[in-house]
């Protein structure tokens, strides 16, 4: 399984679907498993959750930096 591709897939769904975003915040395990369609071992699902959270944080930081650059 391509973890990077799955992380991108989940992040895209979070950004596009407010209901899914809420589900991810409340129950990230079942949210991710609903997107990838398989039940993963805890270590793999936790790695995916951490990857998704890191990607979302990085994207938000990039968006904020872009907004700041527009001020100058």
Protein backbone atom coordinates (compact mmCIF):
# COMPACT_ATOMS: atom_id res chain seq x y z
CA UNK A 1 0.00 0.00 0.00
CA UNK A 2 1.29 3.45 -0.92
CA UNK A 3 0.99 5.32 2.39
CA UNK A 4 1.74 8.71 0.84
CA UNK A 5 -1.04 8.28 -1.73
CA UNK A 6 -3.50 7.21 0.98
CA UNK A 7 -2.57 10.21 3.13
CA UNK A 8 -3.17 12.52 0.15
CA UNK A 9 -6.50 10.80 -0.54
CA UNK A 10 -7.70 11.27 3.05
CA UNK A 11 -6.48 14.89 3.23
CA UNK A 12 -8.30 15.70 -0.01
CA UNK A 13 -11.50 14.16 1.34
CA UNK A 14 -11.16 16.11 4.59
CA UNK A 15 -10.77 19.38 2.67
CA UNK A 16 -13.70 18.68 0.34
CA UNK A 17 -16.22 17.05 2.70
CA UNK A 18 -17.09 18.86 5.95
CA UNK A 19 -19.03 15.85 7.26
CA UNK A 20 -16.03 13.58 6.69
CA UNK A 21 -13.75 16.18 8.30
CA UNK A 22 -15.92 16.09 11.41
CA UNK A 23 -15.88 12.29 11.37
CA UNK A 24 -12.07 12.31 11.14
CA UNK A 25 -11.80 14.66 14.11
CA UNK A 26 -14.14 12.50 16.24
CA UNK A 27 -13.08 9.01 15.10
CA UNK A 28 -10.02 9.05 12.84
CA UNK A 29 -9.67 5.26 12.71
CA UNK A 30 -13.10 4.55 11.25
CA UNK A 31 -12.88 7.64 9.01
CA UNK A 32 -9.63 6.46 7.42
CA UNK A 33 -10.80 2.87 7.14
CA UNK A 34 -13.96 4.07 5.36
CA UNK A 35 -11.81 5.81 2.73
CA UNK A 36 -9.23 3.08 2.18
CA UNK A 37 -11.77 0.28 2.42
CA UNK A 38 -9.71 -2.10 4.56
CA UNK A 39 -9.12 -2.76 8.25
CA UNK A 40 -5.47 -2.07 9.02
CA UNK A 41 -3.35 -3.11 12.01
CA UNK A 42 -3.11 -0.43 14.70
CA UNK A 43 0.48 0.53 13.88
CA UNK A 44 -0.38 1.20 10.23
CA UNK A 45 -3.60 3.07 10.95
CA UNK A 46 -1.83 5.21 13.57
CA UNK A 47 0.92 6.02 11.05
CA UNK A 48 -1.77 7.10 8.56
CA UNK A 49 -3.52 9.25 11.16
CA UNK A 50 -0.23 10.93 12.10
CA UNK A 51 0.59 11.47 8.42
CA UNK A 52 -2.80 13.03 7.71
CA UNK A 53 -2.56 15.35 10.71
CA UNK A 54 0.97 16.40 9.71
CA UNK A 55 -0.10 17.07 6.12
CA UNK A 56 -3.10 19.14 7.23
CA UNK A 57 -0.90 21.16 9.61
CA UNK A 58 1.70 21.74 6.89
CA UNK A 59 -0.96 22.79 4.38
CA UNK A 60 -2.49 25.25 6.86
CA UNK A 61 0.94 26.71 7.65
CA UNK A 62 1.63 27.12 3.93
CA UNK A 63 -1.72 28.84 3.40
CA UNK A 64 -1.01 31.24 6.25
CA UNK A 65 2.46 32.00 4.93
CA UNK A 66 1.00 32.71 1.50
CA UNK A 67 -1.50 35.11 3.04
CA UNK A 68 1.25 36.93 4.91
CA UNK A 69 3.37 37.27 1.75
CA UNK A 70 0.42 38.96 0.01
CA UNK A 71 0.52 41.73 2.62
CA UNK A 72 3.98 42.86 1.48
